[in-house]
Protein backbone atom coordinates (compact mmCIF):
# COMPACT_ATOMS: atom_id res chain seq x y z
CA UNK A 1 6.47 26.85 1.17
CA UNK A 2 5.79 23.26 2.23
CA UNK A 3 2.81 22.96 4.54
CA UNK A 4 2.80 20.33 7.28
CA UNK A 5 -0.23 18.74 8.89
CA UNK A 6 -0.52 16.88 12.13
CA UNK A 7 -2.31 13.61 11.50
CA UNK A 8 -2.64 10.54 13.66
CA UNK A 9 -4.31 7.26 12.82
CA UNK A 10 -4.82 4.57 15.44
CA UNK A 11 -3.93 1.08 14.23
CA UNK A 12 -3.70 -1.91 16.53
CA UNK A 13 -3.75 0.27 19.65
CA UNK A 14 -0.88 2.49 18.45
CA UNK A 15 -0.89 5.86 16.78
CA UNK A 16 0.68 5.84 13.32
CA UNK A 17 2.08 8.94 11.64
CA UNK A 18 2.34 11.62 14.34
CA UNK A 19 3.87 14.26 12.05
CA UNK A 20 2.75 14.34 8.44
CA UNK A 21 5.22 15.89 5.98
CA UNK A 22 3.61 14.56 2.82
CA UNK A 23 3.35 16.75 -0.22
CA UNK A 24 0.53 14.62 -1.71
CA UNK A 25 -2.98 14.46 -0.30
CA UNK A 26 -4.03 11.13 1.20
CA UNK A 27 -7.37 9.57 0.34
CA UNK A 28 -9.16 7.04 2.59
CA UNK A 29 -9.32 4.22 0.01
CA UNK A 30 -10.29 0.84 1.50
CA UNK A 31 -9.50 -1.89 -1.06
CA UNK A 32 -8.01 -5.40 -1.06
CA UNK A 33 -4.22 -5.50 -1.37
CA UNK A 34 -1.63 -8.25 -1.86
CA UNK A 35 2.05 -7.64 -1.24
CA UNK A 36 5.41 -9.35 -1.66
CA UNK A 37 8.79 -8.32 -0.23
CA UNK A 38 11.35 -8.26 -3.04
CA UNK A 39 14.99 -9.35 -2.69
CA UNK A 40 14.29 -11.08 0.60
CA UNK A 41 17.05 -13.45 1.76
CA UNK A 42 14.66 -14.97 4.28
CA UNK A 43 11.62 -17.05 3.40
CA UNK A 44 9.32 -15.36 0.93
CA UNK A 45 7.31 -12.66 2.70
CA UNK A 46 3.90 -12.32 1.12
CA UNK A 47 0.53 -11.39 2.45
CA UNK A 48 -2.81 -9.73 1.98
CA UNK A 49 -4.58 -6.87 3.67
CA UNK A 50 -6.59 -3.72 3.06
CA UNK A 51 -5.45 -0.27 2.05
CA UNK A 52 -6.06 2.34 4.75
CA UNK A 53 -5.18 5.36 2.66
CA UNK A 54 -3.37 6.20 -0.57
CA UNK A 55 -1.80 9.11 -2.38
CA UNK A 56 0.11 9.53 -5.62
CA UNK A 57 3.33 8.87 -3.70
CA UNK A 58 2.45 6.29 -1.05
CA UNK A 59 0.16 3.61 0.35
CA UNK A 60 -0.67 2.71 3.96
CA UNK A 61 -2.09 -0.82 4.28
CA UNK A 62 -2.72 -3.55 6.83
CA UNK A 63 -0.23 -6.43 7.01
CA UNK A 64 -0.08 -9.93 8.47
CA UNK A 65 3.32 -9.21 10.05
CA UNK A 66 5.76 -6.27 10.19
CA UNK A 67 7.60 -5.65 6.92
CA UNK A 68 11.34 -4.84 6.95
CA UNK A 69 11.83 -1.04 6.71
CA UNK A 70 13.92 -0.04 3.71
CA UNK A 71 13.03 -3.14 1.69
CA UNK A 72 11.37 -3.01 -1.71
CA UNK A 73 7.87 -4.46 -1.99
CA UNK A 74 5.49 -5.13 -4.84
CA UNK A 75 1.87 -4.28 -4.12
CA UNK A 76 -1.31 -5.11 -6.06
CA UNK A 77 -4.44 -3.13 -5.18
CA UNK A 78 -7.93 -3.68 -6.57
CA UNK A 79 -8.75 -0.30 -8.13
CA UNK A 80 -12.21 1.09 -7.31
CA UNK A 81 -12.79 2.61 -10.78
CA UNK A 82 -13.31 0.67 -14.02
CA UNK A 83 -11.76 1.30 -17.40
CA UNK A 84 -14.49 2.57 -19.74
CA UNK A 85 -16.98 1.79 -16.97
CA UNK A 86 -16.70 -1.98 -17.52
CA UNK A 87 -13.16 -3.37 -17.26
CA UNK A 88 -11.85 -4.09 -13.74
CA UNK A 89 -8.43 -2.60 -12.95
CA UNK A 90 -5.61 -3.30 -10.56
CA UNK A 91 -2.87 -0.92 -9.45
CA UNK A 92 0.50 -2.70 -9.34
CA UNK A 93 3.21 -0.68 -7.62
CA UNK A 94 6.73 -1.16 -6.32
CA UNK A 95 8.15 0.93 -3.54
CA UNK A 96 10.18 1.05 -0.37
CA UNK A 97 8.81 0.32 3.12
CA UNK A 98 9.21 3.56 5.09
CA UNK A 99 7.64 2.31 8.33
CA UNK A 100 5.94 -0.79 9.65
CA UNK A 101 4.46 -2.21 12.84
CA UNK A 102 2.43 -5.31 13.78
CA UNK A 103 -0.68 -4.16 11.96
CA UNK A 104 0.27 -1.90 9.06
CA UNK A 105 3.02 -0.72 6.71
CA UNK A 106 3.62 2.48 4.78
CA UNK A 107 5.28 2.27 1.36
CA UNK A 108 6.67 5.14 -0.72
CA UNK A 109 5.75 4.37 -4.35
CA UNK A 110 8.66 4.41 -6.82
CA UNK A 111 6.91 2.87 -9.85
CA UNK A 112 3.33 1.95 -10.69
CA UNK A 113 1.13 0.78 -13.53
CA UNK A 114 -2.50 -0.17 -14.04
CA UNK A 115 -3.41 -3.62 -15.31
CA UNK A 116 -6.70 -5.25 -16.15
CA UNK A 117 -7.83 -7.97 -13.75
CA UNK A 118 -10.16 -10.95 -13.66
CA UNK A 119 -13.70 -10.30 -12.52
CA UNK A 120 -13.65 -12.52 -9.41
CA UNK A 121 -10.07 -12.48 -8.18
CA UNK A 122 -7.23 -10.31 -7.01
CA UNK A 123 -4.30 -11.54 -9.12
CA UNK A 124 -1.74 -13.11 -6.81
CA UNK A 125 1.76 -11.71 -6.75
CA UNK A 126 3.99 -14.73 -6.83
C-alpha cells in the first residue's frame, strides 16, 4: 500500500507541492547547486541556487528563472559529507523537470554519481 502525505512548502509567496505522492522520504538539505538545461534550442539556460530538499529520487531547488517542465537538466550539488572524512564531494545528477515556478524547480533524478570537488569552489557545469 502506497502512503500519501499532504505537504506544502511556501516559496516566493506560493505553495509548492500540495499533494505529495513520493515514495522516497525528503530531507531538508540546504546546499549550493548549479544547474544546466540540456538539449535546449534556446540560449543556454544555466544558473545557481540552493537545494530546499532532496530524496533518492528527486531534488527541489531554487532557480533564477522558471525551468521548462519536461526538459532534462544536469545538476551539481555540494555534498555535505566528506569521503573518508577529508575529501569534498559533489553530487552530479541528471533528471527531468517535473514542475517549476519563478522561484524553484523540482527534478526527478534519472541518473547520479558522486565526484570529488575542489576545496573552494562548486565546479561549474558548462
